[in-house]
């Protein structure tokens, strides 16, 4: 019997299906990992205040786009096989399925090696770490079982189960993305996080100019307007949304406060410990509460000695 011929259509449909599958699966795994990182943060890892900056938005978009693409291409493949059963035996199908089984098997083996290496190395097996390991193993195991069943023709024999699997995967994808919105807010929240990041950046720039002013004049500026300098090319920024000026108040000869009104509470790892007081007062970090938050800073004269050169007037 003559072997079925693989057409360019077969090759690119299978290539697109596998690419879409891998892309969506990797995005799903990393999205779940990010959920774990923000739910159980590691004190040694850095998490941006805007969770969408950690790739969550890109991972959500990847699932929304590539999972339906994979399902549509899979439907086309099965439609072609139903019309011509010899399409089951084309080489590109065998290679795609076996490659996927190989990747899933290697992933499970590497997952177990990671756990054992951490255990034998005396590392702490935290709940978050174990949850990631178990989740990755489950995803790889489910993929392995699904595609070995496909390779053996199980889904052609049981089409009702195949439809249930498709519906289950779709519902899981929707729930996964909805979980992100529950944890971090809607896409509009991402915009609020970005405005808050700009506010923090503005306050950091103001603080830098305040310390420079002190280093040059050995006193803190009486007002923020004192920091405006055409020579230095610095103009005191204002709130990016309301355009209102930031608050600046002298607490003592060496201490000052900078205040801003934020739209979201920061998700920094120190936020829970640093935020206190009626205005969400923060001390040594830029973590902030929702609403008005003040940051107290104290100049250490020994840390900011007089400038060795004569500075130009501010």
C-alpha atoms as a PDB file:
ATOM      1  CA  UNK A   1       0.000   0.000   0.000  1.00  0.00           C
ATOM      2  CA  UNK A   2       1.380   3.407  -0.991  1.00  0.00           C
ATOM      3  CA  UNK A   3       2.256   5.735   1.862  1.00  0.00           C
ATOM      4  CA  UNK A   4       0.066   8.868   2.094  1.00  0.00           C
ATOM      5  CA  UNK A   5       1.656  11.959   0.664  1.00  0.00           C
ATOM      6  CA  UNK A   6       2.287  14.945   2.975  1.00  0.00           C
ATOM      7  CA  UNK A   7       1.139  18.178   1.343  1.00  0.00           C
ATOM      8  CA  UNK A   8       2.366  21.691   2.204  1.00  0.00           C
ATOM      9  CA  UNK A   9      -1.028  22.260   3.799  1.00  0.00           C
ATOM     10  CA  UNK A  10      -0.506  19.266   6.101  1.00  0.00           C
ATOM     11  CA  UNK A  11       2.925  20.478   7.133  1.00  0.00           C
ATOM     12  CA  UNK A  12       1.935  24.049   7.952  1.00  0.00           C
ATOM     13  CA  UNK A  13      -1.347  23.117   9.632  1.00  0.00           C
ATOM     14  CA  UNK A  14       0.476  20.688  11.915  1.00  0.00           C
ATOM     15  CA  UNK A  15       3.343  23.125  12.447  1.00  0.00           C
ATOM     16  CA  UNK A  16       0.876  25.890  13.369  1.00  0.00           C
ATOM     17  CA  UNK A  17      -1.073  23.554  15.649  1.00  0.00           C
ATOM     18  CA  UNK A  18       2.033  22.446  17.571  1.00  0.00           C
ATOM     19  CA  UNK A  19       3.441  25.970  17.772  1.00  0.00           C
ATOM     20  CA  UNK A  20       0.122  27.257  19.115  1.00  0.00           C
ATOM     21  CA  UNK A  21      -0.076  24.399  21.610  1.00  0.00           C
ATOM     22  CA  UNK A  22       3.437  24.902  22.960  1.00  0.00           C
ATOM     23  CA  UNK A  23       3.036  28.669  23.144  1.00  0.00           C
ATOM     24  CA  UNK A  24      -0.288  28.462  24.992  1.00  0.00           C
ATOM     25  CA  UNK A  25       0.982  25.729  27.337  1.00  0.00           C
ATOM     26  CA  UNK A  26       4.145  27.644  28.262  1.00  0.00           C
ATOM     27  CA  UNK A  27       2.121  30.823  28.817  1.00  0.00           C
ATOM     28  CA  UNK A  28      -0.311  28.870  31.017  1.00  0.00           C
ATOM     29  CA  UNK A  29       2.532  27.460  33.126  1.00  0.00           C
ATOM     30  CA  UNK A  30       4.292  30.793  33.610  1.00  0.00           C
ATOM     31  CA  UNK A  31       0.994  32.525  34.349  1.00  0.00           C
ATOM     32  CA  UNK A  32       0.282  30.039  37.122  1.00  0.00           C
ATOM     33  CA  UNK A  33       3.836  30.479  38.434  1.00  0.00           C
ATOM     34  CA  UNK A  34       3.277  34.240  38.586  1.00  0.00           C
ATOM     35  CA  UNK A  35       0.060  33.705  40.534  1.00  0.00           C
ATOM     36  CA  UNK A  36       2.024  31.635  43.046  1.00  0.00           C
ATOM     37  CA  UNK A  37       4.813  34.230  43.262  1.00  0.00           C
ATOM     38  CA  UNK A  38       2.384  37.013  44.137  1.00  0.00           C
ATOM     39  CA  UNK A  39       0.221  34.902  46.451  1.00  0.00           C
ATOM     40  CA  UNK A  40       3.174  33.463  48.374  1.00  0.00           C
ATOM     41  CA  UNK A  41       6.036  35.910  47.715  1.00  0.00           C
ATOM     42  CA  UNK A  42       9.622  34.878  48.301  1.00  0.00           C
ATOM     43  CA  UNK A  43      11.544  37.344  50.460  1.00  0.00           C
ATOM     44  CA  UNK A  44      14.615  36.859  48.241  1.00  0.00           C
ATOM     45  CA  UNK A  45      12.877  37.529  44.925  1.00  0.00           C
ATOM     46  CA  UNK A  46      11.942  40.848  43.384  1.00  0.00           C
ATOM     47  CA  UNK A  47       8.360  41.447  42.332  1.00  0.00           C
ATOM     48  CA  UNK A  48       7.397  44.640  40.491  1.00  0.00           C
ATOM     49  CA  UNK A  49       4.628  46.707  42.072  1.00  0.00           C
ATOM     50  CA  UNK A  50       2.726  46.398  38.819  1.00  0.00           C
ATOM     51  CA  UNK A  51       2.083  42.653  38.424  1.00  0.00           C
ATOM     52  CA  UNK A  52       1.393  43.071  34.721  1.00  0.00           C
ATOM     53  CA  UNK A  53       5.030  44.125  34.289  1.00  0.00           C
ATOM     54  CA  UNK A  54       6.082  40.575  35.214  1.00  0.00           C
ATOM     55  CA  UNK A  55       4.637  39.262  31.950  1.00  0.00           C
ATOM     56  CA  UNK A  56       1.159  38.407  33.206  1.00  0.00           C
ATOM     57  CA  UNK A  57      -0.539  40.511  30.525  1.00  0.00           C
ATOM     58  CA  UNK A  58       1.497  38.869  27.753  1.00  0.00           C
ATOM     59  CA  UNK A  59       0.783  35.400  29.136  1.00  0.00           C
ATOM     60  CA  UNK A  60      -2.956  36.097  29.317  1.00  0.00           C
ATOM     61  CA  UNK A  61      -2.942  37.412  25.754  1.00  0.00           C
ATOM     62  CA  UNK A  62      -1.028  34.335  24.570  1.00  0.00           C
ATOM     63  CA  UNK A  63      -3.640  32.006  26.035  1.00  0.00           C
ATOM     64  CA  UNK A  64      -6.525  34.044  24.614  1.00  0.00           C
ATOM     65  CA  UNK A  65      -5.015  33.992  21.101  1.00  0.00           C
ATOM     66  CA  UNK A  66      -3.116  30.725  20.732  1.00  0.00           C
ATOM     67  CA  UNK A  67      -5.440  28.314  22.516  1.00  0.00           C
ATOM     68  CA  UNK A  68      -8.338  29.037  20.085  1.00  0.00           C
ATOM     69  CA  UNK A  69      -5.868  28.887  17.183  1.00  0.00           C
ATOM     70  CA  UNK A  70      -4.770  25.435  18.316  1.00  0.00           C
ATOM     71  CA  UNK A  71      -8.378  24.279  18.677  1.00  0.00           C
ATOM     72  CA  UNK A  72      -9.319  25.528  15.215  1.00  0.00           C
ATOM     73  CA  UNK A  73      -6.284  23.903  13.597  1.00  0.00           C
ATOM     74  CA  UNK A  74      -6.978  20.661  15.478  1.00  0.00           C
ATOM     75  CA  UNK A  75     -10.523  20.726  14.149  1.00  0.00           C
ATOM     76  CA  UNK A  76      -9.205  21.141  10.597  1.00  0.00           C
ATOM     77  CA  UNK A  77      -6.829  18.226  11.102  1.00  0.00           C
ATOM     78  CA  UNK A  78      -9.570  15.940  12.401  1.00  0.00           C
ATOM     79  CA  UNK A  79     -11.901  17.055   9.619  1.00  0.00           C
ATOM     80  CA  UNK A  80      -9.286  16.079   7.033  1.00  0.00           C
ATOM     81  CA  UNK A  81      -8.725  12.713   8.735  1.00  0.00           C
ATOM     82  CA  UNK A  82     -12.478  12.056   8.819  1.00  0.00           C
ATOM     83  CA  UNK A  83     -12.650  12.783   5.072  1.00  0.00           C
ATOM     84  CA  UNK A  84      -9.527  10.747   4.295  1.00  0.00           C
ATOM     85  CA  UNK A  85      -8.459   8.289   7.051  1.00  0.00           C
ATOM     86  CA  UNK A  86      -5.040   7.835   5.396  1.00  0.00           C
ATOM     87  CA  UNK A  87      -4.128  11.321   6.656  1.00  0.00           C
ATOM     88  CA  UNK A  88      -3.567   9.652  10.068  1.00  0.00           C
ATOM     89  CA  UNK A  89      -0.422   8.052   8.710  1.00  0.00           C
ATOM     90  CA  UNK A  90       1.374  11.046   7.240  1.00  0.00           C
ATOM     91  CA  UNK A  91       4.853  11.510   8.649  1.00  0.00           C
ATOM     92  CA  UNK A  92       4.265  15.058   9.925  1.00  0.00           C
ATOM     93  CA  UNK A  93       1.489  13.817  12.227  1.00  0.00           C
ATOM     94  CA  UNK A  94       3.625  11.012  13.633  1.00  0.00           C
ATOM     95  CA  UNK A  95       6.573  13.318  14.184  1.00  0.00           C
ATOM     96  CA  UNK A  96       4.425  16.024  15.822  1.00  0.00           C
ATOM     97  CA  UNK A  97       2.789  13.582  18.229  1.00  0.00           C
ATOM     98  CA  UNK A  98       5.993  11.762  19.123  1.00  0.00           C
ATOM     99  CA  UNK A  99       7.871  15.048  19.583  1.00  0.00           C
ATOM    100  CA  UNK A 100       5.139  16.270  21.941  1.00  0.00           C
ATOM    101  CA  UNK A 101       5.284  13.008  23.895  1.00  0.00           C
ATOM    102  CA  UNK A 102       9.059  13.339  24.112  1.00  0.00           C
ATOM    103  CA  UNK A 103       8.866  16.931  25.392  1.00  0.00           C
ATOM    104  CA  UNK A 104       6.184  16.005  27.943  1.00  0.00           C
ATOM    105  CA  UNK A 105       8.227  13.040  29.170  1.00  0.00           C
ATOM    106  CA  UNK A 106      11.433  15.065  29.454  1.00  0.00           C
ATOM    107  CA  UNK A 107       9.519  17.773  31.335  1.00  0.00           C
ATOM    108  CA  UNK A 108       8.211  15.268  33.889  1.00  0.00           C
ATOM    109  CA  UNK A 109      11.670  13.730  34.346  1.00  0.00           C
ATOM    110  CA  UNK A 110      13.318  17.144  34.704  1.00  0.00           C
ATOM    111  CA  UNK A 111      10.651  18.178  37.172  1.00  0.00           C
ATOM    112  CA  UNK A 112      11.435  15.199  39.401  1.00  0.00           C
ATOM    113  CA  UNK A 113      15.180  15.825  39.078  1.00  0.00           C
ATOM    114  CA  UNK A 114      14.644  19.415  40.248  1.00  0.00           C
ATOM    115  CA  UNK A 115      12.818  18.266  43.380  1.00  0.00           C
ATOM    116  CA  UNK A 116      15.358  15.579  44.239  1.00  0.00           C
ATOM    117  CA  UNK A 117      18.294  17.910  43.603  1.00  0.00           C
ATOM    118  CA  UNK A 118      16.780  20.500  45.944  1.00  0.00           C
ATOM    119  CA  UNK A 119      16.145  17.823  48.577  1.00  0.00           C
ATOM    120  CA  UNK A 120      19.614  16.283  48.387  1.00  0.00           C
ATOM    121  CA  UNK A 121      21.161  19.749  48.376  1.00  0.00           C
ATOM    122  CA  UNK A 122      19.490  20.595  51.663  1.00  0.00           C
ATOM    123  CA  UNK A 123      17.398  23.418  50.208  1.00  0.00           C
ATOM    124  CA  UNK A 124      14.143  24.407  51.849  1.00  0.00           C
ATOM    125  CA  UNK A 125      11.208  22.877  49.990  1.00  0.00           C
ATOM    126  CA  UNK A 126       8.687  25.639  50.450  1.00  0.00           C
ATOM    127  CA  UNK A 127       5.006  25.242  49.757  1.00  0.00           C
ATOM    128  CA  UNK A 128       5.216  27.598  46.776  1.00  0.00           C
ATOM    129  CA  UNK A 129       8.117  25.623  45.281  1.00  0.00           C
ATOM    130  CA  UNK A 130       6.347  22.286  45.702  1.00  0.00           C
ATOM    131  CA  UNK A 131       3.137  23.720  44.261  1.00  0.00           C
ATOM    132  CA  UNK A 132       5.011  24.810  41.136  1.00  0.00           C
ATOM    133  CA  UNK A 133       6.642  21.396  40.829  1.00  0.00           C
ATOM    134  CA  UNK A 134       3.353  19.537  41.209  1.00  0.00           C
ATOM    135  CA  UNK A 135       1.585  21.845  38.769  1.00  0.00           C
ATOM    136  CA  UNK A 136       4.273  21.483  36.096  1.00  0.00           C
ATOM    137  CA  UNK A 137       4.282  17.712  36.489  1.00  0.00           C
ATOM    138  CA  UNK A 138       0.485  17.585  36.177  1.00  0.00           C
ATOM    139  CA  UNK A 139       0.458  19.710  33.016  1.00  0.00           C
ATOM    140  CA  UNK A 140       3.144  17.538  31.407  1.00  0.00           C
ATOM    141  CA  UNK A 141       1.410  14.322  32.516  1.00  0.00           C
ATOM    142  CA  UNK A 142      -1.960  15.435  31.142  1.00  0.00           C
ATOM    143  CA  UNK A 143      -0.347  16.409  27.833  1.00  0.00           C
ATOM    144  CA  UNK A 144       1.463  13.052  27.684  1.00  0.00           C
ATOM    145  CA  UNK A 145      -1.724  11.057  28.309  1.00  0.00           C
ATOM    146  CA  UNK A 146      -3.739  13.135  25.847  1.00  0.00           C
ATOM    147  CA  UNK A 147      -1.309  12.770  22.960  1.00  0.00           C
ATOM    148  CA  UNK A 148      -0.509   9.116  23.524  1.00  0.00           C
ATOM    149  CA  UNK A 149      -4.264   8.534  23.337  1.00  0.00           C
ATOM    150  CA  UNK A 150      -4.323  10.576  20.132  1.00  0.00           C
ATOM    151  CA  UNK A 151      -1.427   8.553  18.708  1.00  0.00           C
ATOM    152  CA  UNK A 152      -3.330   5.325  19.408  1.00  0.00           C
ATOM    153  CA  UNK A 153      -6.531   6.649  17.843  1.00  0.00           C
ATOM    154  CA  UNK A 154      -8.525   6.798  21.075  1.00  0.00           C
ATOM    155  CA  UNK A 155     -10.146  10.180  20.334  1.00  0.00           C
ATOM    156  CA  UNK A 156     -11.437   8.984  16.956  1.00  0.00           C
ATOM    157  CA  UNK A 157     -13.092   6.056  18.718  1.00  0.00           C
ATOM    158  CA  UNK A 158     -14.505   8.204  21.534  1.00  0.00           C
ATOM    159  CA  UNK A 159     -15.415  11.587  19.981  1.00  0.00           C
ATOM    160  CA  UNK A 160     -17.755  12.464  22.862  1.00  0.00           C
ATOM    161  CA  UNK A 161     -14.848  12.400  25.286  1.00  0.00           C
ATOM    162  CA  UNK A 162     -12.776  14.538  22.929  1.00  0.00           C
ATOM    163  CA  UNK A 163     -15.481  17.207  22.954  1.00  0.00           C
ATOM    164  CA  UNK A 164     -15.605  17.120  26.743  1.00  0.00           C
ATOM    165  CA  UNK A 165     -11.859  17.610  26.898  1.00  0.00           C
ATOM    166  CA  UNK A 166     -12.094  20.606  24.559  1.00  0.00           C
ATOM    167  CA  UNK A 167     -14.812  22.185  26.671  1.00  0.00           C
ATOM    168  CA  UNK A 168     -12.842  21.479  29.835  1.00  0.00           C
ATOM    169  CA  UNK A 169      -9.690  23.096  28.468  1.00  0.00           C
ATOM    170  CA  UNK A 170     -11.665  26.152  27.347  1.00  0.00           C
ATOM    171  CA  UNK A 171     -13.339  26.535  30.733  1.00  0.00           C
ATOM    172  CA  UNK A 172      -9.985  26.104  32.494  1.00  0.00           C
ATOM    173  CA  UNK A 173      -8.464  28.860  30.338  1.00  0.00           C
ATOM    174  CA  UNK A 174     -11.323  31.245  31.151  1.00  0.00           C
ATOM    175  CA  UNK A 175     -11.062  30.490  34.881  1.00  0.00           C
ATOM    176  CA  UNK A 176      -7.287  30.966  34.811  1.00  0.00           C
ATOM    177  CA  UNK A 177      -7.535  34.419  33.231  1.00  0.00           C
ATOM    178  CA  UNK A 178     -10.443  35.377  35.506  1.00  0.00           C
ATOM    179  CA  UNK A 179      -8.263  34.425  38.486  1.00  0.00           C
ATOM    180  CA  UNK A 180      -5.702  36.983  37.352  1.00  0.00           C
ATOM    181  CA  UNK A 181      -8.345  39.698  37.227  1.00  0.00           C
ATOM    182  CA  UNK A 182      -9.482  38.740  40.742  1.00  0.00           C
ATOM    183  CA  UNK A 183      -5.917  38.805  42.102  1.00  0.00           C
ATOM    184  CA  UNK A 184      -4.578  41.879  40.314  1.00  0.00           C
ATOM    185  CA  UNK A 185      -7.565  43.757  38.954  1.00  0.00           C
ATOM    186  CA  UNK A 186      -8.913  44.369  35.479  1.00  0.00           C
ATOM    187  CA  UNK A 187      -6.884  45.806  32.573  1.00  0.00           C
ATOM    188  CA  UNK A 188      -7.851  49.275  33.832  1.00  0.00           C
ATOM    189  CA  UNK A 189      -5.985  48.400  37.030  1.00  0.00           C
ATOM    190  CA  UNK A 190      -2.820  47.931  34.981  1.00  0.00           C
ATOM    191  CA  UNK A 191      -3.143  51.528  33.818  1.00  0.00           C
ATOM    192  CA  UNK A 192      -3.540  52.658  37.441  1.00  0.00           C
ATOM    193  CA  UNK A 193      -0.427  50.695  38.414  1.00  0.00           C
ATOM    194  CA  UNK A 194       1.513  52.459  35.670  1.00  0.00           C
ATOM    195  CA  UNK A 195       0.405  55.865  36.883  1.00  0.00           C
ATOM    196  CA  UNK A 196       1.466  54.893  40.400  1.00  0.00           C
ATOM    197  CA  UNK A 197       4.849  53.814  39.068  1.00  0.00           C
ATOM    198  CA  UNK A 198       5.212  57.242  37.474  1.00  0.00           C
ATOM    199  CA  UNK A 199       4.336  58.877  40.803  1.00  0.00           C
ATOM    200  CA  UNK A 200       7.005  56.857  42.584  1.00  0.00           C
ATOM    201  CA  UNK A 201       9.511  57.753  39.875  1.00  0.00           C
ATOM    202  CA  UNK A 202       8.633  61.441  40.278  1.00  0.00           C
ATOM    203  CA  UNK A 203       9.078  61.292  44.042  1.00  0.00           C
ATOM    204  CA  UNK A 204      12.425  59.565  43.635  1.00  0.00           C
ATOM    205  CA  UNK A 205      13.572  62.321  41.279  1.00  0.00           C
ATOM    206  CA  UNK A 206      12.421  64.981  43.754  1.00  0.00           C
ATOM    207  CA  UNK A 207      14.201  63.221  46.608  1.00  0.00           C
ATOM    208  CA  UNK A 208      17.393  63.091  44.565  1.00  0.00           C
ATOM    209  CA  UNK A 209      17.185  66.838  43.916  1.00  0.00           C
ATOM    210  CA  UNK A 210      16.465  67.554  47.586  1.00  0.00           C
ATOM    211  CA  UNK A 211      19.603  65.700  48.657  1.00  0.00           C
ATOM    212  CA  UNK A 212      21.618  67.482  45.968  1.00  0.00           C
ATOM    213  CA  UNK A 213      20.258  70.822  47.165  1.00  0.00           C
ATOM    214  CA  UNK A 214      21.310  69.950  50.725  1.00  0.00           C
ATOM    215  CA  UNK A 215      24.767  68.892  49.609  1.00  0.00           C
ATOM    216  CA  UNK A 216      25.277  72.224  47.892  1.00  0.00           C
ATOM    217  CA  UNK A 217      23.694  74.563  50.460  1.00  0.00           C
ATOM    218  CA  UNK A 218      23.798  72.548  53.702  1.00  0.00           C
ATOM    219  CA  UNK A 219      20.086  73.081  54.231  1.00  0.00           C
ATOM    220  CA  UNK A 220      16.900  71.567  52.919  1.00  0.00           C
ATOM    221  CA  UNK A 221      14.923  73.511  50.317  1.00  0.00           C
ATOM    222  CA  UNK A 222      12.052  75.485  51.850  1.00  0.00           C
ATOM    223  CA  UNK A 223       9.646  74.556  49.032  1.00  0.00           C
ATOM    224  CA  UNK A 224       9.610  72.335  45.978  1.00  0.00           C
ATOM    225  CA  UNK A 225       9.736  75.437  43.779  1.00  0.00           C
ATOM    226  CA  UNK A 226      13.289  75.983  45.065  1.00  0.00           C
ATOM    227  CA  UNK A 227      14.345  72.883  43.154  1.00  0.00           C
ATOM    228  CA  UNK A 228      13.384  74.238  39.726  1.00  0.00           C
ATOM    229  CA  UNK A 229      16.570  74.974  37.835  1.00  0.00           C
ATOM    230  CA  UNK A 230      17.048  75.783  34.187  1.00  0.00           C
ATOM    231  CA  UNK A 231      20.801  75.311  34.667  1.00  0.00           C
ATOM    232  CA  UNK A 232      20.393  71.773  35.907  1.00  0.00           C
ATOM    233  CA  UNK A 233      17.510  71.095  33.541  1.00  0.00           C
ATOM    234  CA  UNK A 234      15.187  70.067  36.352  1.00  0.00           C
ATOM    235  CA  UNK A 235      11.556  71.031  36.714  1.00  0.00           C
ATOM    236  CA  UNK A 236       9.548  69.669  39.633  1.00  0.00           C
ATOM    237  CA  UNK A 237       7.101  67.103  38.225  1.00  0.00           C
ATOM    238  CA  UNK A 238       3.422  66.988  39.128  1.00  0.00           C
ATOM    239  CA  UNK A 239       0.864  64.204  39.411  1.00  0.00           C
ATOM    240  CA  UNK A 240       0.483  62.529  35.971  1.00  0.00           C
ATOM    241  CA  UNK A 241      -3.320  62.382  36.213  1.00  0.00           C
ATOM    242  CA  UNK A 242      -4.514  65.376  38.225  1.00  0.00           C
ATOM    243  CA  UNK A 243      -1.481  67.563  37.454  1.00  0.00           C
ATOM    244  CA  UNK A 244      -1.581  68.584  41.125  1.00  0.00           C
ATOM    245  CA  UNK A 245       1.778  69.290  42.795  1.00  0.00           C
ATOM    246  CA  UNK A 246       3.257  66.680  45.073  1.00  0.00           C
ATOM    247  CA  UNK A 247       3.330  67.492  48.784  1.00  0.00           C
ATOM    248  CA  UNK A 248       6.609  68.452  50.439  1.00  0.00           C
ATOM    249  CA  UNK A 249       6.930  69.266  54.109  1.00  0.00           C
ATOM    250  CA  UNK A 250       9.936  69.919  56.356  1.00  0.00           C
ATOM    251  CA  UNK A 251       9.832  67.844  59.535  1.00  0.00           C
ATOM    252  CA  UNK A 252      13.101  69.145  60.985  1.00  0.00           C
ATOM    253  CA  UNK A 253      16.350  70.649  59.829  1.00  0.00           C
ATOM    254  CA  UNK A 254      17.343  67.289  58.369  1.00  0.00           C
ATOM    255  CA  UNK A 255      14.029  65.553  57.753  1.00  0.00           C
ATOM    256  CA  UNK A 256      11.324  66.006  55.158  1.00  0.00           C
ATOM    257  CA  UNK A 257       8.224  64.280  53.849  1.00  0.00           C
ATOM    258  CA  UNK A 258       7.089  63.638  50.305  1.00  0.00           C
ATOM    259  CA  UNK A 259       3.436  62.750  49.785  1.00  0.00           C
ATOM    260  CA  UNK A 260       1.369  61.588  46.827  1.00  0.00           C
ATOM    261  CA  UNK A 261      -2.078  60.128  46.252  1.00  0.00           C
ATOM    262  CA  UNK A 262      -1.931  56.639  44.734  1.00  0.00           C
ATOM    263  CA  UNK A 263      -4.675  54.760  42.937  1.00  0.00           C
ATOM    264  CA  UNK A 264      -3.644  51.249  44.018  1.00  0.00           C
ATOM    265  CA  UNK A 265      -1.809  49.669  46.927  1.00  0.00           C
ATOM    266  CA  UNK A 266       1.634  48.498  45.914  1.00  0.00           C
ATOM    267  CA  UNK A 267       2.335  44.787  45.920  1.00  0.00           C
ATOM    268  CA  UNK A 268       5.936  45.049  47.095  1.00  0.00           C
ATOM    269  CA  UNK A 269       7.106  42.372  49.494  1.00  0.00           C
ATOM    270  CA  UNK A 270       7.594  44.941  52.275  1.00  0.00           C
ATOM    271  CA  UNK A 271       4.235  46.645  51.881  1.00  0.00           C
ATOM    272  CA  UNK A 272       2.547  44.794  54.710  1.00  0.00           C
ATOM    273  CA  UNK A 273       5.300  45.730  57.166  1.00  0.00           C
ATOM    274  CA  UNK A 274       6.042  49.286  56.108  1.00  0.00           C
ATOM    275  CA  UNK A 275       2.552  50.741  55.716  1.00  0.00           C
ATOM    276  CA  UNK A 276       1.085  52.195  58.890  1.00  0.00           C
ATOM    277  CA  UNK A 277      -0.479  55.329  60.271  1.00  0.00           C
ATOM    278  CA  UNK A 278      -3.455  57.412  59.139  1.00  0.00           C
ATOM    279  CA  UNK A 279      -1.885  58.339  55.804  1.00  0.00           C
ATOM    280  CA  UNK A 280      -0.241  55.041  54.955  1.00  0.00           C
ATOM    281  CA  UNK A 281       3.131  56.374  56.096  1.00  0.00           C
ATOM    282  CA  UNK A 282       6.142  54.534  54.641  1.00  0.00           C
ATOM    283  CA  UNK A 283       9.685  54.634  55.964  1.00  0.00           C
ATOM    284  CA  UNK A 284      12.562  53.066  54.068  1.00  0.00           C
ATOM    285  CA  UNK A 285      10.824  51.857  50.941  1.00  0.00           C
ATOM    286  CA  UNK A 286       8.556  53.161  48.212  1.00  0.00           C
ATOM    287  CA  UNK A 287       5.763  50.727  49.042  1.00  0.00           C
ATOM    288  CA  UNK A 288       2.505  52.595  49.375  1.00  0.00           C
ATOM    289  CA  UNK A 289      -1.137  52.243  50.291  1.00  0.00           C
ATOM    290  CA  UNK A 290      -4.067  53.235  48.132  1.00  0.00           C
ATOM    291  CA  UNK A 291      -4.778  56.923  48.610  1.00  0.00           C
ATOM    292  CA  UNK A 292      -2.554  59.516  50.242  1.00  0.00           C
ATOM    293  CA  UNK A 293       0.824  58.114  51.302  1.00  0.00           C
ATOM    294  CA  UNK A 294       3.743  60.000  52.814  1.00  0.00           C
ATOM    295  CA  UNK A 295       7.401  59.015  52.716  1.00  0.00           C
ATOM    296  CA  UNK A 296       9.651  60.296  55.504  1.00  0.00           C
ATOM    297  CA  UNK A 297      13.303  60.818  54.670  1.00  0.00           C
ATOM    298  CA  UNK A 298      16.149  61.999  56.910  1.00  0.00           C
ATOM    299  CA  UNK A 299      19.423  63.424  55.649  1.00  0.00           C
ATOM    300  CA  UNK A 300      22.613  62.023  57.171  1.00  0.00           C
ATOM    301  CA  UNK A 301      25.167  64.883  57.002  1.00  0.00           C
ATOM    302  CA  UNK A 302      28.043  62.409  57.107  1.00  0.00           C
ATOM    303  CA  UNK A 303      26.624  60.623  54.094  1.00  0.00           C
ATOM    304  CA  UNK A 304      26.158  63.873  52.151  1.00  0.00           C
ATOM    305  CA  UNK A 305      29.319  65.931  52.757  1.00  0.00           C
ATOM    306  CA  UNK A 306      29.705  69.358  51.137  1.00  0.00           C
ATOM    307  CA  UNK A 307      30.413  69.249  47.438  1.00  0.00           C
ATOM    308  CA  UNK A 308      34.143  69.663  46.719  1.00  0.00           C
ATOM    309  CA  UNK A 309      33.331  72.081  43.918  1.00  0.00           C
ATOM    310  CA  UNK A 310      31.342  75.266  43.990  1.00  0.00           C
ATOM    311  CA  UNK A 311      27.923  74.369  42.750  1.00  0.00           C
ATOM    312  CA  UNK A 312      25.960  76.629  40.500  1.00  0.00           C
ATOM    313  CA  UNK A 313      22.943  78.270  42.142  1.00  0.00           C
ATOM    314  CA  UNK A 314      19.776  76.237  41.976  1.00  0.00           C
END
